[in-house]
Amino acid sequence: MPHYLVAGFLPDDFDPSTVTEAMIRDIDALNDEMEAAGARVLGLGLSAASSAKSVRAQADGKVLITDGPYMETKEYVGGILILKAPNMDEALAWARKSAVAGRMPVEVREILRYNE
């Protein structure tokens, strides 16, 4: 069965203190629903983009490690879900619920799997 990445995006100035008990309950309920349906493989929140490290191969064969996210942006990935779904439509149905429960926009992409 195909797997899908659902990445949730937070604003660069996201304040974790704005997370409410209602939001936590909604996310927990959605996680329970996805697990019961056999759709959720993995779900994680991520630390702030300011704590990220970017690793880039250089033309000379060296590797450059810098502080911060790879791209300059006003949003960053705040959490991910890995879902099993028979098709993109079902993955999008879960993503709609995730966007509501997490109160953030999400992106859905099929994971290309080369070995099972």
PDB file of N, CA and C in Angstrom:
ATOM      1  N   MET A   1       0.852  -1.179   0.000  1.00  0.00           N
ATOM      2  CA  MET A   1       0.000   0.000   0.000  1.00  0.00           C
ATOM      3  C   MET A   1       0.897   1.240   0.000  1.00  0.00           C
ATOM      4  N   PRO A   2       0.541   2.255  -0.760  1.00  0.00           N
ATOM      5  CA  PRO A   2       1.348   3.478  -0.785  1.00  0.00           C
ATOM      6  C   PRO A   2       1.416   4.140   0.594  1.00  0.00           C
ATOM      7  N   HIS A   3       2.499   4.841   0.822  1.00  0.00           N
ATOM      8  CA  HIS A   3       2.684   5.624   2.038  1.00  0.00           C
ATOM      9  C   HIS A   3       2.767   7.094   1.638  1.00  0.00           C
ATOM     10  N   TYR A   4       2.296   7.970   2.526  1.00  0.00           N
ATOM     11  CA  TYR A   4       2.260   9.399   2.248  1.00  0.00           C
ATOM     12  C   TYR A   4       2.855  10.175   3.412  1.00  0.00           C
ATOM     13  N   LEU A   5       3.597  11.228   3.092  1.00  0.00           N
ATOM     14  CA  LEU A   5       4.101  12.163   4.078  1.00  0.00           C
ATOM     15  C   LEU A   5       3.106  13.319   4.164  1.00  0.00           C
ATOM     16  N   VAL A   6       2.664  13.624   5.362  1.00  0.00           N
ATOM     17  CA  VAL A   6       1.852  14.811   5.612  1.00  0.00           C
ATOM     18  C   VAL A   6       2.704  15.713   6.494  1.00  0.00           C
ATOM     19  N   ALA A   7       3.165  16.821   5.944  1.00  0.00           N
ATOM     20  CA  ALA A   7       4.024  17.755   6.669  1.00  0.00           C
ATOM     21  C   ALA A   7       3.206  18.987   7.037  1.00  0.00           C
ATOM     22  N   GLY A   8       3.205  19.316   8.327  1.00  0.00           N
ATOM     23  CA  GLY A   8       2.495  20.499   8.803  1.00  0.00           C
ATOM     24  C   GLY A   8       3.445  21.675   8.923  1.00  0.00           C
ATOM     25  N   PHE A   9       2.979  22.849   8.540  1.00  0.00           N
ATOM     26  CA  PHE A   9       3.819  24.044   8.517  1.00  0.00           C
ATOM     27  C   PHE A   9       3.394  25.048   9.575  1.00  0.00           C
ATOM     28  N   LEU A  10       4.365  25.558  10.304  1.00  0.00           N
ATOM     29  CA  LEU A  10       4.142  26.574  11.323  1.00  0.00           C
ATOM     30  C   LEU A  10       4.790  27.878  10.887  1.00  0.00           C
ATOM     31  N   PRO A  11       4.249  29.012  11.335  1.00  0.00           N
ATOM     32  CA  PRO A  11       4.887  30.285  11.005  1.00  0.00           C
ATOM     33  C   PRO A  11       6.236  30.394  11.710  1.00  0.00           C
ATOM     34  N   ASP A  12       7.151  31.139  11.127  1.00  0.00           N
ATOM     35  CA  ASP A  12       8.485  31.291  11.687  1.00  0.00           C
ATOM     36  C   ASP A  12       8.442  31.822  13.120  1.00  0.00           C
ATOM     37  N   ASP A  13       7.434  32.624  13.438  1.00  0.00           N
ATOM     38  CA  ASP A  13       7.329  33.205  14.783  1.00  0.00           C
ATOM     39  C   ASP A  13       6.370  32.417  15.678  1.00  0.00           C
ATOM     40  N   PHE A  14       6.176  31.118  15.387  1.00  0.00           N
ATOM     41  CA  PHE A  14       5.261  30.291  16.170  1.00  0.00           C
ATOM     42  C   PHE A  14       5.635  30.309  17.642  1.00  0.00           C
ATOM     43  N   ASP A  15       4.638  30.508  18.486  1.00  0.00           N
ATOM     44  CA  ASP A  15       4.824  30.534  19.929  1.00  0.00           C
ATOM     45  C   ASP A  15       4.176  29.285  20.517  1.00  0.00           C
ATOM     46  N   PRO A  16       4.968  28.313  20.998  1.00  0.00           N
ATOM     47  CA  PRO A  16       4.408  27.077  21.534  1.00  0.00           C
ATOM     48  C   PRO A  16       3.417  27.299  22.675  1.00  0.00           C
ATOM     49  N   SER A  17       3.506  28.429  23.354  1.00  0.00           N
ATOM     50  CA  SER A  17       2.570  28.685  24.455  1.00  0.00           C
ATOM     51  C   SER A  17       1.146  28.920  23.956  1.00  0.00           C
ATOM     52  N   THR A  18       0.969  29.080  22.640  1.00  0.00           N
ATOM     53  CA  THR A  18      -0.376  29.268  22.086  1.00  0.00           C
ATOM     54  C   THR A  18      -1.109  27.945  21.865  1.00  0.00           C
ATOM     55  N   VAL A  19      -0.422  26.817  22.071  1.00  0.00           N
ATOM     56  CA  VAL A  19      -1.063  25.506  21.931  1.00  0.00           C
ATOM     57  C   VAL A  19      -2.014  25.326  23.106  1.00  0.00           C
ATOM     58  N   THR A  20      -3.277  25.065  22.787  1.00  0.00           N
ATOM     59  CA  THR A  20      -4.303  24.947  23.821  1.00  0.00           C
ATOM     60  C   THR A  20      -4.583  23.483  24.154  1.00  0.00           C
ATOM     61  N   GLU A  21      -5.227  23.267  25.295  1.00  0.00           N
ATOM     62  CA  GLU A  21      -5.643  21.912  25.675  1.00  0.00           C
ATOM     63  C   GLU A  21      -6.609  21.338  24.635  1.00  0.00           C
ATOM     64  N   ALA A  22      -7.462  22.184  24.066  1.00  0.00           N
ATOM     65  CA  ALA A  22      -8.405  21.725  23.034  1.00  0.00           C
ATOM     66  C   ALA A  22      -7.648  21.223  21.806  1.00  0.00           C
ATOM     67  N   MET A  23      -6.607  21.929  21.427  1.00  0.00           N
ATOM     68  CA  MET A  23      -5.801  21.509  20.279  1.00  0.00           C
ATOM     69  C   MET A  23      -5.138  20.160  20.565  1.00  0.00           C
ATOM     70  N   ILE A  24      -4.580  20.001  21.742  1.00  0.00           N
ATOM     71  CA  ILE A  24      -3.942  18.735  22.109  1.00  0.00           C
ATOM     72  C   ILE A  24      -4.970  17.598  22.091  1.00  0.00           C
ATOM     73  N   ARG A  25      -6.163  17.841  22.620  1.00  0.00           N
ATOM     74  CA  ARG A  25      -7.230  16.818  22.591  1.00  0.00           C
ATOM     75  C   ARG A  25      -7.603  16.463  21.159  1.00  0.00           C
ATOM     76  N   ASP A  26      -7.724  17.478  20.289  1.00  0.00           N
ATOM     77  CA  ASP A  26      -8.080  17.225  18.889  1.00  0.00           C
ATOM     78  C   ASP A  26      -7.019  16.393  18.181  1.00  0.00           C
ATOM     79  N   ILE A  27      -5.758  16.716  18.423  1.00  0.00           N
ATOM     80  CA  ILE A  27      -4.663  15.959  17.799  1.00  0.00           C
ATOM     81  C   ILE A  27      -4.637  14.530  18.328  1.00  0.00           C
ATOM     82  N   ASP A  28      -4.794  14.365  19.647  1.00  0.00           N
ATOM     83  CA  ASP A  28      -4.818  13.020  20.231  1.00  0.00           C
ATOM     84  C   ASP A  28      -5.976  12.196  19.672  1.00  0.00           C
ATOM     85  N   ALA A  29      -7.158  12.819  19.531  1.00  0.00           N
ATOM     86  CA  ALA A  29      -8.316  12.110  18.989  1.00  0.00           C
ATOM     87  C   ALA A  29      -8.077  11.695  17.538  1.00  0.00           C
ATOM     88  N   LEU A  30      -7.473  12.580  16.754  1.00  0.00           N
ATOM     89  CA  LEU A  30      -7.183  12.239  15.364  1.00  0.00           C
ATOM     90  C   LEU A  30      -6.155  11.119  15.296  1.00  0.00           C
ATOM     91  N   ASN A  31      -5.120  11.168  16.127  1.00  0.00           N
ATOM     92  CA  ASN A  31      -4.127  10.089  16.153  1.00  0.00           C
ATOM     93  C   ASN A  31      -4.797   8.753  16.484  1.00  0.00           C
ATOM     94  N   ASP A  32      -5.692   8.755  17.468  1.00  0.00           N
ATOM     95  CA  ASP A  32      -6.421   7.526  17.817  1.00  0.00           C
ATOM     96  C   ASP A  32      -7.252   7.029  16.641  1.00  0.00           C
ATOM     97  N   GLU A  33      -7.918   7.952  15.937  1.00  0.00           N
ATOM     98  CA  GLU A  33      -8.740   7.582  14.786  1.00  0.00           C
ATOM     99  C   GLU A  33      -7.889   6.982  13.666  1.00  0.00           C
ATOM    100  N   MET A  34      -6.755   7.611  13.387  1.00  0.00           N
ATOM    101  CA  MET A  34      -5.874   7.104  12.331  1.00  0.00           C
ATOM    102  C   MET A  34      -5.292   5.739  12.704  1.00  0.00           C
ATOM    103  N   GLU A  35      -4.915   5.558  13.962  1.00  0.00           N
ATOM    104  CA  GLU A  35      -4.384   4.268  14.404  1.00  0.00           C
ATOM    105  C   GLU A  35      -5.451   3.180  14.298  1.00  0.00           C
ATOM    106  N   ALA A  36      -6.677   3.497  14.703  1.00  0.00           N
ATOM    107  CA  ALA A  36      -7.760   2.520  14.624  1.00  0.00           C
ATOM    108  C   ALA A  36      -8.052   2.123  13.180  1.00  0.00           C
ATOM    109  N   ALA A  37      -7.862   3.053  12.251  1.00  0.00           N
ATOM    110  CA  ALA A  37      -8.106   2.772  10.830  1.00  0.00           C
ATOM    111  C   ALA A  37      -6.896   2.098  10.173  1.00  0.00           C
ATOM    112  N   GLY A  38      -5.793   1.980  10.903  1.00  0.00           N
ATOM    113  CA  GLY A  38      -4.583   1.381  10.336  1.00  0.00           C
ATOM    114  C   GLY A  38      -3.858   2.298   9.369  1.00  0.00           C
ATOM    115  N   ALA A  39      -4.118   3.600   9.461  1.00  0.00           N
ATOM    116  CA  ALA A  39      -3.529   4.554   8.509  1.00  0.00           C
ATOM    117  C   ALA A  39      -2.248   5.191   9.021  1.00  0.00           C
ATOM    118  N   ARG A  40      -2.138   5.372  10.322  1.00  0.00           N
ATOM    119  CA  ARG A  40      -0.990   6.096  10.883  1.00  0.00           C
ATOM    120  C   ARG A  40       0.192   5.158  11.083  1.00  0.00           C
ATOM    121  N   VAL A  41       1.301   5.490  10.456  1.00  0.00           N
ATOM    122  CA  VAL A  41       2.548   4.755  10.638  1.00  0.00           C
ATOM    123  C   VAL A  41       3.409   5.469  11.671  1.00  0.00           C
ATOM    124  N   LEU A  42       3.481   6.805  11.578  1.00  0.00           N
ATOM    125  CA  LEU A  42       4.335   7.602  12.439  1.00  0.00           C
ATOM    126  C   LEU A  42       3.800   9.021  12.486  1.00  0.00           C
ATOM    127  N   GLY A  43       3.849   9.643  13.629  1.00  0.00           N
ATOM    128  CA  GLY A  43       3.480  11.049  13.767  1.00  0.00           C
ATOM    129  C   GLY A  43       4.418  11.710  14.751  1.00  0.00           C
ATOM    130  N   LEU A  44       4.993  12.837  14.367  1.00  0.00           N
ATOM    131  CA  LEU A  44       5.983  13.521  15.199  1.00  0.00           C
ATOM    132  C   LEU A  44       5.840  15.027  15.110  1.00  0.00           C
ATOM    133  N   GLY A  45       6.094  15.694  16.210  1.00  0.00           N
ATOM    134  CA  GLY A  45       6.297  17.132  16.190  1.00  0.00           C
ATOM    135  C   GLY A  45       7.794  17.374  16.093  1.00  0.00           C
ATOM    136  N   LEU A  46       8.185  18.484  15.528  1.00  0.00           N
ATOM    137  CA  LEU A  46       9.604  18.799  15.356  1.00  0.00           C
ATOM    138  C   LEU A  46       9.973  20.040  16.157  1.00  0.00           C
ATOM    139  N   SER A  47      11.238  20.144  16.538  1.00  0.00           N
ATOM    140  CA  SER A  47      11.719  21.331  17.238  1.00  0.00           C
ATOM    141  C   SER A  47      11.685  22.523  16.281  1.00  0.00           C
ATOM    142  N   ALA A  48      11.872  23.698  16.833  1.00  0.00           N
ATOM    143  CA  ALA A  48      11.831  24.932  16.039  1.00  0.00           C
ATOM    144  C   ALA A  48      12.906  24.930  14.957  1.00  0.00           C
ATOM    145  N   ALA A  49      12.608  25.587  13.861  1.00  0.00           N
ATOM    146  CA  ALA A  49      13.559  25.681  12.753  1.00  0.00           C
ATOM    147  C   ALA A  49      14.859  26.338  13.198  1.00  0.00           C
ATOM    148  N   SER A  50      14.792  27.197  14.199  1.00  0.00           N
ATOM    149  CA  SER A  50      16.007  27.871  14.674  1.00  0.00           C
ATOM    150  C   SER A  50      17.024  26.892  15.251  1.00  0.00           C
ATOM    151  N   SER A  51      16.587  25.691  15.618  1.00  0.00           N
ATOM    152  CA  SER A  51      17.523  24.691  16.153  1.00  0.00           C
ATOM    153  C   SER A  51      18.020  23.725  15.075  1.00  0.00           C
ATOM    154  N   ALA A  52      17.579  23.927  13.835  1.00  0.00           N
ATOM    155  CA  ALA A  52      17.965  23.027  12.733  1.00  0.00           C
ATOM    156  C   ALA A  52      19.417  23.240  12.333  1.00  0.00           C
ATOM    157  N   LYS A  53      19.978  22.228  11.750  1.00  0.00           N
ATOM    158  CA  LYS A  53      21.308  22.286  11.127  1.00  0.00           C
ATOM    159  C   LYS A  53      21.116  21.884   9.671  1.00  0.00           C
ATOM    160  N   SER A  54      21.752  22.585   8.761  1.00  0.00           N
ATOM    161  CA  SER A  54      21.698  22.244   7.343  1.00  0.00           C
ATOM    162  C   SER A  54      23.032  21.650   6.929  1.00  0.00           C
ATOM    163  N   VAL A  55      22.967  20.572   6.177  1.00  0.00           N
ATOM    164  CA  VAL A  55      24.166  19.858   5.740  1.00  0.00           C
ATOM    165  C   VAL A  55      24.163  19.850   4.217  1.00  0.00           C
ATOM    166  N   ARG A  56      25.222  20.410   3.611  1.00  0.00           N
ATOM    167  CA  ARG A  56      25.290  20.524   2.150  1.00  0.00           C
ATOM    168  C   ARG A  56      26.632  20.019   1.647  1.00  0.00           C
ATOM    169  N   ALA A  57      26.574  19.146   0.652  1.00  0.00           N
ATOM    170  CA  ALA A  57      27.805  18.709  -0.014  1.00  0.00           C
ATOM    171  C   ALA A  57      28.306  19.855  -0.883  1.00  0.00           C
ATOM    172  N   GLN A  58      29.608  20.063  -0.879  1.00  0.00           N
ATOM    173  CA  GLN A  58      30.231  21.121  -1.662  1.00  0.00           C
ATOM    174  C   GLN A  58      30.901  20.523  -2.907  1.00  0.00           C
ATOM    175  N   ALA A  59      31.137  21.347  -3.890  1.00  0.00           N
ATOM    176  CA  ALA A  59      31.750  20.892  -5.142  1.00  0.00           C
ATOM    177  C   ALA A  59      33.134  20.288  -4.916  1.00  0.00           C
ATOM    178  N   ASP A  60      33.825  20.746  -3.873  1.00  0.00           N
ATOM    179  CA  ASP A  60      35.178  20.240  -3.610  1.00  0.00           C
ATOM    180  C   ASP A  60      35.184  18.933  -2.810  1.00  0.00           C
ATOM    181  N   GLY A  61      33.979  18.368  -2.551  1.00  0.00           N
ATOM    182  CA  GLY A  61      33.884  17.105  -1.821  1.00  0.00           C
ATOM    183  C   GLY A  61      33.727  17.274  -0.320  1.00  0.00           C
ATOM    184  N   LYS A  62      33.895  18.478   0.186  1.00  0.00           N
ATOM    185  CA  LYS A  62      33.698  18.731   1.610  1.00  0.00           C
ATOM    186  C   LYS A  62      32.213  18.888   1.900  1.00  0.00           C
ATOM    187  N   VAL A  63      31.891  18.862   3.171  1.00  0.00           N
ATOM    188  CA  VAL A  63      30.501  19.031   3.598  1.00  0.00           C
ATOM    189  C   VAL A  63      30.425  20.256   4.498  1.00  0.00           C
ATOM    190  N   LEU A  64      29.485  21.134   4.203  1.00  0.00           N
ATOM    191  CA  LEU A  64      29.288  22.354   4.971  1.00  0.00           C
ATOM    192  C   LEU A  64      28.084  22.160   5.883  1.00  0.00           C
ATOM    193  N   ILE A  65      28.276  22.419   7.184  1.00  0.00           N
ATOM    194  CA  ILE A  65      27.181  22.357   8.145  1.00  0.00           C
ATOM    195  C   ILE A  65      26.968  23.765   8.678  1.00  0.00           C
ATOM    196  N   THR A  66      25.716  24.234   8.556  1.00  0.00           N
ATOM    197  CA  THR A  66      25.396  25.583   9.018  1.00  0.00           C
ATOM    198  C   THR A  66      24.206  25.523   9.957  1.00  0.00           C
ATOM    199  N   ASP A  67      24.070  26.551  10.786  1.00  0.00           N
ATOM    200  CA  ASP A  67      22.918  26.656  11.675  1.00  0.00           C
ATOM    201  C   ASP A  67      21.700  27.084  10.884  1.00  0.00           C
ATOM    202  N   GLY A  68      20.551  26.604  11.317  1.00  0.00           N
ATOM    203  CA  GLY A  68      19.287  27.033  10.742  1.00  0.00           C
ATOM    204  C   GLY A  68      18.812  26.149   9.609  1.00  0.00           C
ATOM    205  N   PRO A  69      17.581  26.389   9.192  1.00  0.00           N
ATOM    206  CA  PRO A  69      17.008  25.578   8.111  1.00  0.00           C
ATOM    207  C   PRO A  69      17.686  25.856   6.778  1.00  0.00           C
ATOM    208  N   TYR A  70      17.486  24.962   5.854  1.00  0.00           N
ATOM    209  CA  TYR A  70      18.124  25.058   4.542  1.00  0.00           C
ATOM    210  C   TYR A  70      17.678  26.299   3.784  1.00  0.00           C
ATOM    211  N   MET A  71      16.380  26.590   3.809  1.00  0.00           N
ATOM    212  CA  MET A  71      15.853  27.700   3.011  1.00  0.00           C
ATOM    213  C   MET A  71      15.438  28.854   3.909  1.00  0.00           C
ATOM    214  N   GLU A  72      15.549  30.047   3.397  1.00  0.00           N
ATOM    215  CA  GLU A  72      14.994  31.211   4.075  1.00  0.00           C
ATOM    216  C   GLU A  72      13.496  31.196   3.793  1.00  0.00           C
ATOM    217  N   THR A  73      12.706  31.164   4.834  1.00  0.00           N
ATOM    218  CA  THR A  73      11.266  31.074   4.646  1.00  0.00           C
ATOM    219  C   THR A  73      10.548  31.649   5.855  1.00  0.00           C
ATOM    220  N   LYS A  74       9.278  31.937   5.698  1.00  0.00           N
ATOM    221  CA  LYS A  74       8.484  32.448   6.804  1.00  0.00           C
ATOM    222  C   LYS A  74       7.727  31.332   7.504  1.00  0.00           C
ATOM    223  N   GLU A  75       7.825  30.114   6.979  1.00  0.00           N
ATOM    224  CA  GLU A  75       7.199  28.949   7.596  1.00  0.00           C
ATOM    225  C   GLU A  75       8.213  27.819   7.627  1.00  0.00           C
ATOM    226  N   TYR A  76       8.008  26.877   8.516  1.00  0.00           N
ATOM    227  CA  TYR A  76       8.880  25.713   8.579  1.00  0.00           C
ATOM    228  C   TYR A  76       8.052  24.487   8.932  1.00  0.00           C
ATOM    229  N   VAL A  77       8.599  23.318   8.670  1.00  0.00           N
ATOM    230  CA  VAL A  77       7.907  22.071   8.994  1.00  0.00           C
ATOM    231  C   VAL A  77       7.877  21.935  10.506  1.00  0.00           C
ATOM    232  N   GLY A  78       6.677  21.835  11.046  1.00  0.00           N
ATOM    233  CA  GLY A  78       6.507  21.729  12.496  1.00  0.00           C
ATOM    234  C   GLY A  78       6.172  20.331  12.959  1.00  0.00           C
ATOM    235  N   GLY A  79       5.771  19.475  12.029  1.00  0.00           N
ATOM    236  CA  GLY A  79       5.445  18.106  12.381  1.00  0.00           C
ATOM    237  C   GLY A  79       5.215  17.288  11.133  1.00  0.00           C
ATOM    238  N   ILE A  80       5.324  15.963  11.282  1.00  0.00           N
ATOM    239  CA  ILE A  80       5.094  15.078  10.145  1.00  0.00           C
ATOM    240  C   ILE A  80       4.249  13.887  10.558  1.00  0.00           C
ATOM    241  N   LEU A  81       3.529  13.372   9.601  1.00  0.00           N
ATOM    242  CA  LEU A  81       2.806  12.107   9.717  1.00  0.00           C
ATOM    243  C   LEU A  81       3.249  11.235   8.556  1.00  0.00           C
ATOM    244  N   ILE A  82       3.409   9.972   8.804  1.00  0.00           N
ATOM    245  CA  ILE A  82       3.585   9.005   7.729  1.00  0.00           C
ATOM    246  C   ILE A  82       2.330   8.146   7.764  1.00  0.00           C
ATOM    247  N   LEU A  83       1.607   8.132   6.659  1.00  0.00           N
ATOM    248  CA  LEU A  83       0.338   7.416   6.567  1.00  0.00           C
ATOM    249  C   LEU A  83       0.398   6.307   5.533  1.00  0.00           C
ATOM    250  N   LYS A  84      -0.364   5.245   5.789  1.00  0.00           N
ATOM    251  CA  LYS A  84      -0.634   4.230   4.771  1.00  0.00           C
ATOM    252  C   LYS A  84      -2.021   4.529   4.245  1.00  0.00           C
ATOM    253  N   ALA A  85      -2.147   4.656   2.951  1.00  0.00           N
ATOM    254  CA  ALA A  85      -3.448   4.915   2.337  1.00  0.00           C
ATOM    255  C   ALA A  85      -3.434   4.305   0.938  1.00  0.00           C
ATOM    256  N   PRO A  86      -4.568   3.796   0.493  1.00  0.00           N
ATOM    257  CA  PRO A  86      -4.601   3.157  -0.821  1.00  0.00           C
ATOM    258  C   PRO A  86      -4.397   4.124  -1.982  1.00  0.00           C
ATOM    259  N   ASN A  87      -4.643   5.435  -1.721  1.00  0.00           N
ATOM    260  CA  ASN A  87      -4.502   6.409  -2.806  1.00  0.00           C
ATOM    261  C   ASN A  87      -4.416   7.818  -2.231  1.00  0.00           C
ATOM    262  N   MET A  88      -4.122   8.768  -3.089  1.00  0.00           N
ATOM    263  CA  MET A  88      -3.959  10.162  -2.670  1.00  0.00           C
ATOM    264  C   MET A  88      -5.258  10.719  -2.085  1.00  0.00           C
ATOM    265  N   ASP A  89      -6.409  10.314  -2.628  1.00  0.00           N
ATOM    266  CA  ASP A  89      -7.675  10.842  -2.113  1.00  0.00           C
ATOM    267  C   ASP A  89      -7.856  10.514  -0.634  1.00  0.00           C
ATOM    268  N   GLU A  90      -7.534   9.279  -0.242  1.00  0.00           N
ATOM    269  CA  GLU A  90      -7.674   8.916   1.163  1.00  0.00           C
ATOM    270  C   GLU A  90      -6.627   9.644   2.009  1.00  0.00           C
ATOM    271  N   ALA A  91      -5.410   9.781   1.493  1.00  0.00           N
ATOM    272  CA  ALA A  91      -4.380  10.531   2.218  1.00  0.00           C
ATOM    273  C   ALA A  91      -4.822  11.980   2.422  1.00  0.00           C
ATOM    274  N   LEU A  92      -5.459  12.556   1.411  1.00  0.00           N
ATOM    275  CA  LEU A  92      -5.954  13.932   1.528  1.00  0.00           C
ATOM    276  C   LEU A  92      -7.089  14.041   2.540  1.00  0.00           C
ATOM    277  N   ALA A  93      -7.905  13.007   2.652  1.00  0.00           N
ATOM    278  CA  ALA A  93      -8.974  13.021   3.650  1.00  0.00           C
ATOM    279  C   ALA A  93      -8.373  13.102   5.060  1.00  0.00           C
ATOM    280  N   TRP A  94      -7.327  12.309   5.319  1.00  0.00           N
ATOM    281  CA  TRP A  94      -6.635  12.393   6.613  1.00  0.00           C
ATOM    282  C   TRP A  94      -5.952  13.747   6.768  1.00  0.00           C
ATOM    283  N   ALA A  95      -5.374  14.262   5.708  1.00  0.00           N
ATOM    284  CA  ALA A  95      -4.681  15.549   5.767  1.00  0.00           C
ATOM    285  C   ALA A  95      -5.648  16.683   6.101  1.00  0.00           C
ATOM    286  N   ARG A  96      -6.866  16.620   5.562  1.00  0.00           N
ATOM    287  CA  ARG A  96      -7.867  17.640   5.899  1.00  0.00           C
ATOM    288  C   ARG A  96      -8.105  17.657   7.406  1.00  0.00           C
ATOM    289  N   LYS A  97      -8.273  16.459   7.977  1.00  0.00           N
ATOM    290  CA  LYS A  97      -8.501  16.362   9.419  1.00  0.00           C
ATOM    291  C   LYS A  97      -7.282  16.843  10.197  1.00  0.00           C
ATOM    292  N   SER A  98      -6.101  16.554   9.684  1.00  0.00           N
ATOM    293  CA  SER A  98      -4.865  16.978  10.342  1.00  0.00           C
ATOM    294  C   SER A  98      -4.733  18.495  10.339  1.00  0.00           C
ATOM    295  N   ALA A  99      -5.069  19.131   9.230  1.00  0.00           N
ATOM    296  CA  ALA A  99      -4.991  20.585   9.144  1.00  0.00           C
ATOM    297  C   ALA A  99      -5.932  21.244  10.152  1.00  0.00           C
ATOM    298  N   VAL A 100      -7.100  20.642  10.354  1.00  0.00           N
ATOM    299  CA  VAL A 100      -8.066  21.183  11.316  1.00  0.00           C
ATOM    300  C   VAL A 100      -7.577  20.935  12.745  1.00  0.00           C
ATOM    301  N   ALA A 101      -7.194  19.699  13.061  1.00  0.00           N
ATOM    302  CA  ALA A 101      -6.777  19.364  14.427  1.00  0.00           C
ATOM    303  C   ALA A 101      -5.507  20.110  14.826  1.00  0.00           C
ATOM    304  N   GLY A 102      -4.544  20.205  13.924  1.00  0.00           N
ATOM    305  CA  GLY A 102      -3.270  20.858  14.226  1.00  0.00           C
ATOM    306  C   GLY A 102      -3.263  22.347  14.020  1.00  0.00           C
ATOM    307  N   ARG A 103      -4.352  22.867  13.434  1.00  0.00           N
ATOM    308  CA  ARG A 103      -4.466  24.309  13.172  1.00  0.00           C
ATOM    309  C   ARG A 103      -3.273  24.851  12.402  1.00  0.00           C
ATOM    310  N   MET A 104      -2.867  24.092  11.355  1.00  0.00           N
ATOM    311  CA  MET A 104      -1.768  24.538  10.499  1.00  0.00           C
ATOM    312  C   MET A 104      -1.955  23.967   9.107  1.00  0.00           C
ATOM    313  N   PRO A 105      -1.457  24.652   8.082  1.00  0.00           N
ATOM    314  CA  PRO A 105      -1.528  24.092   6.738  1.00  0.00           C
ATOM    315  C   PRO A 105      -0.625  22.865   6.645  1.00  0.00           C
ATOM    316  N   VAL A 106      -0.990  21.942   5.779  1.00  0.00           N
ATOM    317  CA  VAL A 106      -0.194  20.734   5.588  1.00  0.00           C
ATOM    318  C   VAL A 106       0.059  20.500   4.103  1.00  0.00           C
ATOM    319  N   GLU A 107       1.088  19.745   3.823  1.00  0.00           N
ATOM    320  CA  GLU A 107       1.428  19.326   2.459  1.00  0.00           C
ATOM    321  C   GLU A 107       1.421  17.810   2.442  1.00  0.00           C
ATOM    322  N   VAL A 108       0.896  17.227   1.370  1.00  0.00           N
ATOM    323  CA  VAL A 108       0.838  15.768   1.244  1.00  0.00           C
ATOM    324  C   VAL A 108       1.659  15.351   0.034  1.00  0.00           C
ATOM    325  N   ARG A 109       2.547  14.389   0.237  1.00  0.00           N
ATOM    326  CA  ARG A 109       3.350  13.864  -0.856  1.00  0.00           C
ATOM    327  C   ARG A 109       3.472  12.340  -0.706  1.00  0.00           C
ATOM    328  N   GLU A 110       3.352  11.653  -1.811  1.00  0.00           N
ATOM    329  CA  GLU A 110       3.557  10.204  -1.771  1.00  0.00           C
ATOM    330  C   GLU A 110       5.038   9.933  -1.544  1.00  0.00           C
ATOM    331  N   ILE A 111       5.305   8.940  -0.709  1.00  0.00           N
ATOM    332  CA  ILE A 111       6.679   8.529  -0.449  1.00  0.00           C
ATOM    333  C   ILE A 111       7.055   7.494  -1.504  1.00  0.00           C
ATOM    334  N   LEU A 112       8.146   7.736  -2.182  1.00  0.00           N
ATOM    335  CA  LEU A 112       8.627   6.791  -3.190  1.00  0.00           C
ATOM    336  C   LEU A 112       9.384   5.699  -2.481  1.00  0.00           C
ATOM    337  N   ARG A 113       8.907   4.481  -2.600  1.00  0.00           N
ATOM    338  CA  ARG A 113       9.526   3.350  -1.912  1.00  0.00           C
ATOM    339  C   ARG A 113      10.162   2.439  -2.931  1.00  0.00           C
ATOM    340  N   TYR A 114      11.407   2.138  -2.722  1.00  0.00           N
ATOM    341  CA  TYR A 114      12.135   1.296  -3.663  1.00  0.00           C
ATOM    342  C   TYR A 114      12.312  -0.115  -3.134  1.00  0.00           C
ATOM    343  N   ASN A 115      12.028  -0.317  -1.864  1.00  0.00           N
ATOM    344  CA  ASN A 115      12.072  -1.668  -1.299  1.00  0.00           C
ATOM    345  C   ASN A 115      11.009  -1.793  -0.231  1.00  0.00           C
ATOM    346  N   GLU A 116      10.428  -2.923  -0.146  1.00  0.00           N
ATOM    347  CA  GLU A 116       9.358  -3.170   0.834  1.00  0.00           C
ATOM    348  C   GLU A 116       9.844  -4.124   1.884  1.00  0.00           C
TER     349      GLU A 116
END
